[in-house]
Amino acid sequence: MYFVDLFEFDSRAKQKKIATFKMEEGGSNGVEVEGDSYHPAVENLRGEGIFDYKNAAPSKLYPDDGLSFLENLKYNFRSGYLSASEVQKKTVD
């Protein structure tokens, strides 16, 4: 399984995990969200998508785009308020 964690910083500069975006290897079902799926940042990326900065393509990516979507989260969330981890791989037994 591949996953990316999305974090926000509160007014006291404490990091809090908002959600985890995860995808099974093979990715036929796209990306699932675990956590605060009603957070404005999560709702925005579902509706508006994110830019494909990694491939410099003039298109948007959505959770159904699988691994490309996960890889681009870190480029779209890199502010002082929101940040995303690198894509990580977890072995599921």
PDB file of N, CA and C in Angstrom:
ATOM      1  N   MET A   1       0.837  -1.176   0.000  1.00  0.00           N
ATOM      2  CA  MET A   1       0.000   0.000   0.000  1.00  0.00           C
ATOM      3  C   MET A   1       0.881   1.238   0.000  1.00  0.00           C
ATOM      4  N   TYR A   2       0.492   2.242  -0.792  1.00  0.00           N
ATOM      5  CA  TYR A   2       1.167   3.534  -0.829  1.00  0.00           C
ATOM      6  C   TYR A   2       0.319   4.538  -0.063  1.00  0.00           C
ATOM      7  N   PHE A   3       0.981   5.474   0.620  1.00  0.00           N
ATOM      8  CA  PHE A   3       0.218   6.476   1.349  1.00  0.00           C
ATOM      9  C   PHE A   3       0.987   7.781   1.505  1.00  0.00           C
ATOM     10  N   VAL A   4       0.223   8.870   1.712  1.00  0.00           N
ATOM     11  CA  VAL A   4       0.760  10.205   1.961  1.00  0.00           C
ATOM     12  C   VAL A   4      -0.053  10.794   3.112  1.00  0.00           C
ATOM     13  N   ASP A   5       0.637  11.384   4.084  1.00  0.00           N
ATOM     14  CA  ASP A   5      -0.031  12.054   5.194  1.00  0.00           C
ATOM     15  C   ASP A   5      -0.093  13.549   4.919  1.00  0.00           C
ATOM     16  N   LEU A   6      -1.234  14.153   5.234  1.00  0.00           N
ATOM     17  CA  LEU A   6      -1.429  15.597   5.096  1.00  0.00           C
ATOM     18  C   LEU A   6      -1.494  16.203   6.494  1.00  0.00           C
ATOM     19  N   PHE A   7      -0.689  17.232   6.726  1.00  0.00           N
ATOM     20  CA  PHE A   7      -0.593  17.870   8.040  1.00  0.00           C
ATOM     21  C   PHE A   7      -0.963  19.337   7.952  1.00  0.00           C
ATOM     22  N   GLU A   8      -1.427  19.876   9.092  1.00  0.00           N
ATOM     23  CA  GLU A   8      -1.609  21.317   9.216  1.00  0.00           C
ATOM     24  C   GLU A   8      -0.932  21.759  10.508  1.00  0.00           C
ATOM     25  N   PHE A   9      -0.571  23.030  10.542  1.00  0.00           N
ATOM     26  CA  PHE A   9       0.021  23.614  11.742  1.00  0.00           C
ATOM     27  C   PHE A   9      -1.015  24.524  12.376  1.00  0.00           C
ATOM     28  N   ASP A  10      -1.228  24.361  13.690  1.00  0.00           N
ATOM     29  CA  ASP A  10      -2.197  25.216  14.367  1.00  0.00           C
ATOM     30  C   ASP A  10      -1.554  26.542  14.766  1.00  0.00           C
ATOM     31  N   SER A  11      -2.295  27.368  15.465  1.00  0.00           N
ATOM     32  CA  SER A  11      -1.804  28.703  15.835  1.00  0.00           C
ATOM     33  C   SER A  11      -0.610  28.664  16.778  1.00  0.00           C
ATOM     34  N   ARG A  12      -0.383  27.517  17.410  1.00  0.00           N
ATOM     35  CA  ARG A  12       0.783  27.360  18.299  1.00  0.00           C
ATOM     36  C   ARG A  12       1.918  26.601  17.612  1.00  0.00           C
ATOM     37  N   ALA A  13       1.840  26.498  16.307  1.00  0.00           N
ATOM     38  CA  ALA A  13       2.856  25.832  15.484  1.00  0.00           C
ATOM     39  C   ALA A  13       3.018  24.353  15.820  1.00  0.00           C
ATOM     40  N   LYS A  14       1.939  23.721  16.252  1.00  0.00           N
ATOM     41  CA  LYS A  14       1.954  22.275  16.492  1.00  0.00           C
ATOM     42  C   LYS A  14       1.408  21.579  15.253  1.00  0.00           C
ATOM     43  N   GLN A  15       2.101  20.528  14.844  1.00  0.00           N
ATOM     44  CA  GLN A  15       1.707  19.793  13.654  1.00  0.00           C
ATOM     45  C   GLN A  15       0.615  18.779  14.003  1.00  0.00           C
ATOM     46  N   LYS A  16      -0.419  18.754  13.188  1.00  0.00           N
ATOM     47  CA  LYS A  16      -1.543  17.843  13.397  1.00  0.00           C
ATOM     48  C   LYS A  16      -1.845  17.145  12.078  1.00  0.00           C
ATOM     49  N   LYS A  17      -1.987  15.823  12.116  1.00  0.00           N
ATOM     50  CA  LYS A  17      -2.321  15.091  10.895  1.00  0.00           C
ATOM     51  C   LYS A  17      -3.805  15.269  10.598  1.00  0.00           C
ATOM     52  N   ILE A  18      -4.099  15.714   9.389  1.00  0.00           N
ATOM     53  CA  ILE A  18      -5.477  15.907   8.951  1.00  0.00           C
ATOM     54  C   ILE A  18      -6.030  14.613   8.368  1.00  0.00           C
ATOM     55  N   ALA A  19      -5.267  14.028   7.451  1.00  0.00           N
ATOM     56  CA  ALA A  19      -5.751  12.857   6.730  1.00  0.00           C
ATOM     57  C   ALA A  19      -4.587  12.060   6.162  1.00  0.00           C
ATOM     58  N   THR A  20      -4.897  10.828   5.827  1.00  0.00           N
ATOM     59  CA  THR A  20      -3.966   9.965   5.114  1.00  0.00           C
ATOM     60  C   THR A  20      -4.626   9.566   3.808  1.00  0.00           C
ATOM     61  N   PHE A  21      -3.903   9.761   2.715  1.00  0.00           N
ATOM     62  CA  PHE A  21      -4.370   9.347   1.397  1.00  0.00           C
ATOM     63  C   PHE A  21      -3.674   8.035   1.092  1.00  0.00           C
ATOM     64  N   LYS A  22      -4.447   6.997   0.835  1.00  0.00           N
ATOM     65  CA  LYS A  22      -3.829   5.690   0.630  1.00  0.00           C
ATOM     66  C   LYS A  22      -4.369   5.005  -0.617  1.00  0.00           C
ATOM     67  N   MET A  23      -3.522   4.151  -1.159  1.00  0.00           N
ATOM     68  CA  MET A  23      -3.853   3.444  -2.390  1.00  0.00           C
ATOM     69  C   MET A  23      -3.217   2.064  -2.346  1.00  0.00           C
ATOM     70  N   GLU A  24      -3.988   1.066  -2.676  1.00  0.00           N
ATOM     71  CA  GLU A  24      -3.451  -0.289  -2.759  1.00  0.00           C
ATOM     72  C   GLU A  24      -2.498  -0.384  -3.951  1.00  0.00           C
ATOM     73  N   GLU A  25      -1.501  -1.228  -3.826  1.00  0.00           N
ATOM     74  CA  GLU A  25      -0.567  -1.426  -4.930  1.00  0.00           C
ATOM     75  C   GLU A  25      -1.348  -1.946  -6.131  1.00  0.00           C
ATOM     76  N   GLY A  26      -1.119  -1.383  -7.271  1.00  0.00           N
ATOM     77  CA  GLY A  26      -1.904  -1.695  -8.457  1.00  0.00           C
ATOM     78  C   GLY A  26      -2.884  -0.577  -8.748  1.00  0.00           C
ATOM     79  N   GLY A  27      -3.417   0.021  -7.691  1.00  0.00           N
ATOM     80  CA  GLY A  27      -4.205   1.235  -7.760  1.00  0.00           C
ATOM     81  C   GLY A  27      -5.436   1.251  -8.626  1.00  0.00           C
ATOM     82  N   SER A  28      -6.111   0.131  -8.809  1.00  0.00           N
ATOM     83  CA  SER A  28      -7.275   0.115  -9.687  1.00  0.00           C
ATOM     84  C   SER A  28      -8.465   0.884  -9.108  1.00  0.00           C
ATOM     85  N   ASN A  29      -8.504   1.065  -7.787  1.00  0.00           N
ATOM     86  CA  ASN A  29      -9.634   1.780  -7.168  1.00  0.00           C
ATOM     87  C   ASN A  29      -9.316   3.231  -6.843  1.00  0.00           C
ATOM     88  N   GLY A  30      -8.175   3.735  -7.232  1.00  0.00           N
ATOM     89  CA  GLY A  30      -7.807   5.111  -6.936  1.00  0.00           C
ATOM     90  C   GLY A  30      -7.378   5.278  -5.486  1.00  0.00           C
ATOM     91  N   VAL A  31      -7.407   6.515  -5.023  1.00  0.00           N
ATOM     92  CA  VAL A  31      -6.919   6.879  -3.697  1.00  0.00           C
ATOM     93  C   VAL A  31      -8.095   7.042  -2.734  1.00  0.00           C
ATOM     94  N   GLU A  32      -7.947   6.482  -1.541  1.00  0.00           N
ATOM     95  CA  GLU A  32      -8.949   6.631  -0.486  1.00  0.00           C
ATOM     96  C   GLU A  32      -8.430   7.602   0.554  1.00  0.00           C
ATOM     97  N   VAL A  33      -9.347   8.276   1.241  1.00  0.00           N
ATOM     98  CA  VAL A  33      -8.984   9.226   2.296  1.00  0.00           C
ATOM     99  C   VAL A  33      -9.395   8.647   3.632  1.00  0.00           C
ATOM    100  N   GLU A  34      -8.439   8.663   4.564  1.00  0.00           N
ATOM    101  CA  GLU A  34      -8.707   8.227   5.932  1.00  0.00           C
ATOM    102  C   GLU A  34      -8.408   9.406   6.846  1.00  0.00           C
ATOM    103  N   GLY A  35      -9.340   9.775   7.682  1.00  0.00           N
ATOM    104  CA  GLY A  35      -9.138  10.921   8.566  1.00  0.00           C
ATOM    105  C   GLY A  35     -10.249  11.933   8.382  1.00  0.00           C
ATOM    106  N   ASP A  36      -9.921  13.218   8.484  1.00  0.00           N
ATOM    107  CA  ASP A  36     -10.907  14.294   8.398  1.00  0.00           C
ATOM    108  C   ASP A  36     -11.246  14.584   6.939  1.00  0.00           C
ATOM    109  N   SER A  37     -12.153  13.799   6.391  1.00  0.00           N
ATOM    110  CA  SER A  37     -12.506  13.972   4.977  1.00  0.00           C
ATOM    111  C   SER A  37     -13.354  15.221   4.733  1.00  0.00           C
ATOM    112  N   TYR A  38     -13.798  15.889   5.813  1.00  0.00           N
ATOM    113  CA  TYR A  38     -14.565  17.129   5.673  1.00  0.00           C
ATOM    114  C   TYR A  38     -13.717  18.377   5.883  1.00  0.00           C
ATOM    115  N   HIS A  39     -12.422  18.204   6.092  1.00  0.00           N
ATOM    116  CA  HIS A  39     -11.528  19.357   6.222  1.00  0.00           C
ATOM    117  C   HIS A  39     -11.552  20.114   4.885  1.00  0.00           C
ATOM    118  N   PRO A  40     -11.574  21.447   4.916  1.00  0.00           N
ATOM    119  CA  PRO A  40     -11.651  22.226   3.663  1.00  0.00           C
ATOM    120  C   PRO A  40     -10.568  21.861   2.645  1.00  0.00           C
ATOM    121  N   ALA A  41      -9.360  21.565   3.089  1.00  0.00           N
ATOM    122  CA  ALA A  41      -8.284  21.209   2.148  1.00  0.00           C
ATOM    123  C   ALA A  41      -8.593  19.896   1.434  1.00  0.00           C
ATOM    124  N   VAL A  42      -9.125  18.940   2.159  1.00  0.00           N
ATOM    125  CA  VAL A  42      -9.456  17.636   1.571  1.00  0.00           C
ATOM    126  C   VAL A  42     -10.640  17.783   0.616  1.00  0.00           C
ATOM    127  N   GLU A  43     -11.650  18.509   1.027  1.00  0.00           N
ATOM    128  CA  GLU A  43     -12.806  18.718   0.147  1.00  0.00           C
ATOM    129  C   GLU A  43     -12.406  19.458  -1.125  1.00  0.00           C
ATOM    130  N   ASN A  44     -11.508  20.449  -0.995  1.00  0.00           N
ATOM    131  CA  ASN A  44     -11.045  21.203  -2.164  1.00  0.00           C
ATOM    132  C   ASN A  44     -10.333  20.321  -3.163  1.00  0.00           C
ATOM    133  N   LEU A  45      -9.436  19.485  -2.700  1.00  0.00           N
ATOM    134  CA  LEU A  45      -8.683  18.685  -3.671  1.00  0.00           C
ATOM    135  C   LEU A  45      -9.560  17.649  -4.335  1.00  0.00           C
ATOM    136  N   ARG A  46     -10.596  17.199  -3.672  1.00  0.00           N
ATOM    137  CA  ARG A  46     -11.534  16.278  -4.321  1.00  0.00           C
ATOM    138  C   ARG A  46     -12.311  16.980  -5.433  1.00  0.00           C
ATOM    139  N   GLY A  47     -12.779  18.189  -5.148  1.00  0.00           N
ATOM    140  CA  GLY A  47     -13.591  18.917  -6.127  1.00  0.00           C
ATOM    141  C   GLY A  47     -12.785  19.653  -7.170  1.00  0.00           C
ATOM    142  N   GLU A  48     -11.695  20.284  -6.735  1.00  0.00           N
ATOM    143  CA  GLU A  48     -10.895  21.126  -7.624  1.00  0.00           C
ATOM    144  C   GLU A  48      -9.711  20.380  -8.238  1.00  0.00           C
ATOM    145  N   GLY A  49      -9.267  19.309  -7.604  1.00  0.00           N
ATOM    146  CA  GLY A  49      -8.083  18.600  -8.066  1.00  0.00           C
ATOM    147  C   GLY A  49      -6.811  19.329  -7.648  1.00  0.00           C
ATOM    148  N   ILE A  50      -5.675  18.782  -8.040  1.00  0.00           N
ATOM    149  CA  ILE A  50      -4.378  19.398  -7.766  1.00  0.00           C
ATOM    150  C   ILE A  50      -3.605  19.471  -9.080  1.00  0.00           C
ATOM    151  N   PHE A  51      -2.658  20.395  -9.146  1.00  0.00           N
ATOM    152  CA  PHE A  51      -1.850  20.531 -10.360  1.00  0.00           C
ATOM    153  C   PHE A  51      -0.783  19.452 -10.423  1.00  0.00           C
ATOM    154  N   ASP A  52      -0.457  19.057 -11.638  1.00  0.00           N
ATOM    155  CA  ASP A  52       0.579  18.052 -11.880  1.00  0.00           C
ATOM    156  C   ASP A  52       1.916  18.755 -12.023  1.00  0.00           C
ATOM    157  N   TYR A  53       2.533  19.099 -10.888  1.00  0.00           N
ATOM    158  CA  TYR A  53       3.830  19.782 -10.892  1.00  0.00           C
ATOM    159  C   TYR A  53       4.968  18.828 -11.203  1.00  0.00           C
ATOM    160  N   LYS A  54       4.829  17.583 -10.815  1.00  0.00           N
ATOM    161  CA  LYS A  54       5.926  16.626 -11.001  1.00  0.00           C
ATOM    162  C   LYS A  54       6.252  16.433 -12.481  1.00  0.00           C
ATOM    163  N   ASN A  55       5.233  16.290 -13.297  1.00  0.00           N
ATOM    164  CA  ASN A  55       5.449  16.059 -14.729  1.00  0.00           C
ATOM    165  C   ASN A  55       5.304  17.330 -15.555  1.00  0.00           C
ATOM    166  N   ALA A  56       5.084  18.457 -14.884  1.00  0.00           N
ATOM    167  CA  ALA A  56       4.901  19.758 -15.553  1.00  0.00           C
ATOM    168  C   ALA A  56       3.847  19.679 -16.651  1.00  0.00           C
ATOM    169  N   ALA A  57       2.814  18.898 -16.383  1.00  0.00           N
ATOM    170  CA  ALA A  57       1.725  18.764 -17.344  1.00  0.00           C
ATOM    171  C   ALA A  57       0.659  19.815 -17.045  1.00  0.00           C
ATOM    172  N   PRO A  58       0.066  20.383 -18.069  1.00  0.00           N
ATOM    173  CA  PRO A  58      -0.956  21.421 -17.848  1.00  0.00           C
ATOM    174  C   PRO A  58      -2.327  20.826 -17.517  1.00  0.00           C
ATOM    175  N   SER A  59      -2.334  19.904 -16.592  1.00  0.00           N
ATOM    176  CA  SER A  59      -3.596  19.253 -16.252  1.00  0.00           C
ATOM    177  C   SER A  59      -3.734  19.139 -14.739  1.00  0.00           C
ATOM    178  N   LYS A  60      -4.910  18.735 -14.314  1.00  0.00           N
ATOM    179  CA  LYS A  60      -5.162  18.525 -12.899  1.00  0.00           C
ATOM    180  C   LYS A  60      -5.308  17.039 -12.628  1.00  0.00           C
ATOM    181  N   LEU A  61      -4.998  16.677 -11.412  1.00  0.00           N
ATOM    182  CA  LEU A  61      -5.107  15.287 -10.982  1.00  0.00           C
ATOM    183  C   LEU A  61      -6.146  15.182  -9.882  1.00  0.00           C
ATOM    184  N   TYR A  62      -6.807  14.038  -9.821  1.00  0.00           N
ATOM    185  CA  TYR A  62      -7.836  13.766  -8.832  1.00  0.00           C
ATOM    186  C   TYR A  62      -7.536  12.428  -8.170  1.00  0.00           C
ATOM    187  N   PRO A  63      -8.182  12.127  -7.047  1.00  0.00           N
ATOM    188  CA  PRO A  63      -7.908  10.859  -6.358  1.00  0.00           C
ATOM    189  C   PRO A  63      -7.997   9.619  -7.249  1.00  0.00           C
ATOM    190  N   ASP A  64      -8.837   9.645  -8.264  1.00  0.00           N
ATOM    191  CA  ASP A  64      -8.945   8.502  -9.175  1.00  0.00           C
ATOM    192  C   ASP A  64      -7.694   8.298 -10.026  1.00  0.00           C
ATOM    193  N   ASP A  65      -6.785   9.286 -10.035  1.00  0.00           N
ATOM    194  CA  ASP A  65      -5.556   9.183 -10.829  1.00  0.00           C
ATOM    195  C   ASP A  65      -4.459   8.384 -10.125  1.00  0.00           C
ATOM    196  N   GLY A  66      -4.741   7.907  -8.920  1.00  0.00           N
ATOM    197  CA  GLY A  66      -3.852   6.985  -8.235  1.00  0.00           C
ATOM    198  C   GLY A  66      -2.496   7.532  -7.833  1.00  0.00           C
ATOM    199  N   LEU A  67      -1.442   6.823  -8.221  1.00  0.00           N
ATOM    200  CA  LEU A  67      -0.084   7.142  -7.778  1.00  0.00           C
ATOM    201  C   LEU A  67       0.367   8.537  -8.224  1.00  0.00           C
ATOM    202  N   SER A  68      -0.011   8.971  -9.400  1.00  0.00           N
ATOM    203  CA  SER A  68       0.347  10.326  -9.850  1.00  0.00           C
ATOM    204  C   SER A  68      -0.230  11.374  -8.911  1.00  0.00           C
ATOM    205  N   PHE A  69      -1.459  11.152  -8.460  1.00  0.00           N
ATOM    206  CA  PHE A  69      -2.092  12.052  -7.499  1.00  0.00           C
ATOM    207  C   PHE A  69      -1.293  12.072  -6.192  1.00  0.00           C
ATOM    208  N   LEU A  70      -0.958  10.897  -5.672  1.00  0.00           N
ATOM    209  CA  LEU A  70      -0.186  10.816  -4.423  1.00  0.00           C
ATOM    210  C   LEU A  70       1.162  11.519  -4.552  1.00  0.00           C
ATOM    211  N   GLU A  71       1.851  11.302  -5.662  1.00  0.00           N
ATOM    212  CA  GLU A  71       3.180  11.892  -5.856  1.00  0.00           C
ATOM    213  C   GLU A  71       3.135  13.416  -5.918  1.00  0.00           C
ATOM    214  N   ASN A  72       2.031  13.978  -6.343  1.00  0.00           N
ATOM    215  CA  ASN A  72       1.922  15.432  -6.486  1.00  0.00           C
ATOM    216  C   ASN A  72       1.391  16.145  -5.254  1.00  0.00           C
ATOM    217  N   LEU A  73       0.910  15.424  -4.269  1.00  0.00           N
ATOM    218  CA  LEU A  73       0.395  16.069  -3.064  1.00  0.00           C
ATOM    219  C   LEU A  73       1.462  16.928  -2.385  1.00  0.00           C
ATOM    220  N   LYS A  74       2.698  16.431  -2.308  1.00  0.00           N
ATOM    221  CA  LYS A  74       3.757  17.193  -1.620  1.00  0.00           C
ATOM    222  C   LYS A  74       4.070  18.509  -2.320  1.00  0.00           C
ATOM    223  N   TYR A  75       3.874  18.569  -3.630  1.00  0.00           N
ATOM    224  CA  TYR A  75       4.129  19.809  -4.370  1.00  0.00           C
ATOM    225  C   TYR A  75       2.988  20.809  -4.208  1.00  0.00           C
ATOM    226  N   ASN A  76       1.793  20.321  -3.959  1.00  0.00           N
ATOM    227  CA  ASN A  76       0.625  21.175  -3.820  1.00  0.00           C
ATOM    228  C   ASN A  76       0.405  21.653  -2.392  1.00  0.00           C
ATOM    229  N   PHE A  77       0.953  20.937  -1.428  1.00  0.00           N
ATOM    230  CA  PHE A  77       0.814  21.311  -0.019  1.00  0.00           C
ATOM    231  C   PHE A  77       2.196  21.492   0.584  1.00  0.00           C
ATOM    232  N   ARG A  78       2.748  22.667   0.422  1.00  0.00           N
ATOM    233  CA  ARG A  78       4.077  22.950   0.961  1.00  0.00           C
ATOM    234  C   ARG A  78       4.151  24.369   1.527  1.00  0.00           C
ATOM    235  N   SER A  79       3.070  24.777   2.153  1.00  0.00           N
ATOM    236  CA  SER A  79       3.030  26.116   2.738  1.00  0.00           C
ATOM    237  C   SER A  79       3.391  26.049   4.219  1.00  0.00           C
ATOM    238  N   GLY A  80       3.356  27.180   4.879  1.00  0.00           N
ATOM    239  CA  GLY A  80       3.607  27.206   6.311  1.00  0.00           C
ATOM    240  C   GLY A  80       2.447  26.666   7.112  1.00  0.00           C
ATOM    241  N   TYR A  81       1.305  26.495   6.455  1.00  0.00           N
ATOM    242  CA  TYR A  81       0.103  26.035   7.137  1.00  0.00           C
ATOM    243  C   TYR A  81      -0.212  24.569   6.846  1.00  0.00           C
ATOM    244  N   LEU A  82      -0.050  24.142   5.610  1.00  0.00           N
ATOM    245  CA  LEU A  82      -0.330  22.766   5.200  1.00  0.00           C
ATOM    246  C   LEU A  82       0.900  22.145   4.558  1.00  0.00           C
ATOM    247  N   SER A  83       1.109  20.864   4.838  1.00  0.00           N
ATOM    248  CA  SER A  83       2.210  20.150   4.194  1.00  0.00           C
ATOM    249  C   SER A  83       1.834  18.689   4.022  1.00  0.00           C
ATOM    250  N   ALA A  84       2.426  18.074   3.028  1.00  0.00           N
ATOM    251  CA  ALA A  84       2.184  16.657   2.745  1.00  0.00           C
ATOM    252  C   ALA A  84       3.510  15.919   2.766  1.00  0.00           C
ATOM    253  N   SER A  85       3.468  14.686   3.228  1.00  0.00           N
ATOM    254  CA  SER A  85       4.671  13.851   3.270  1.00  0.00           C
ATOM    255  C   SER A  85       5.007  13.338   1.879  1.00  0.00           C
ATOM    256  N   GLU A  86       6.163  12.732   1.779  1.00  0.00           N
ATOM    257  CA  GLU A  86       6.534  12.001   0.560  1.00  0.00           C
ATOM    258  C   GLU A  86       5.633  10.771   0.471  1.00  0.00           C
ATOM    259  N   VAL A  87       5.548  10.176  -0.710  1.00  0.00           N
ATOM    260  CA  VAL A  87       4.835   8.913  -0.850  1.00  0.00           C
ATOM    261  C   VAL A  87       5.619   7.856  -0.099  1.00  0.00           C
ATOM    262  N   GLN A  88       4.931   7.133   0.744  1.00  0.00           N
ATOM    263  CA  GLN A  88       5.560   6.060   1.516  1.00  0.00           C
ATOM    264  C   GLN A  88       4.895   4.746   1.154  1.00  0.00           C
ATOM    265  N   LYS A  89       5.646   3.685   1.342  1.00  0.00           N
ATOM    266  CA  LYS A  89       5.102   2.362   1.021  1.00  0.00           C
ATOM    267  C   LYS A  89       5.034   1.538   2.301  1.00  0.00           C
ATOM    268  N   LYS A  90       3.868   0.961   2.534  1.00  0.00           N
ATOM    269  CA  LYS A  90       3.667   0.137   3.715  1.00  0.00           C
ATOM    270  C   LYS A  90       3.338  -1.271   3.249  1.00  0.00           C
ATOM    271  N   THR A  91       4.016  -2.254   3.800  1.00  0.00           N
ATOM    272  CA  THR A  91       3.747  -3.626   3.470  1.00  0.00           C
ATOM    273  C   THR A  91       2.620  -4.126   4.352  1.00  0.00           C
ATOM    274  N   VAL A  92       1.578  -4.632   3.710  1.00  0.00           N
ATOM    275  CA  VAL A  92       0.413  -5.153   4.432  1.00  0.00           C
ATOM    276  C   VAL A  92       0.459  -6.666   4.354  1.00  0.00           C
ATOM    277  N   ASP A  93       0.410  -7.285   5.510  1.00  0.00           N
ATOM    278  CA  ASP A  93       0.439  -8.768   5.556  1.00  0.00           C
ATOM    279  C   ASP A  93      -0.938  -9.350   5.406  1.00  0.00           C
TER     280      ASP A  93
END
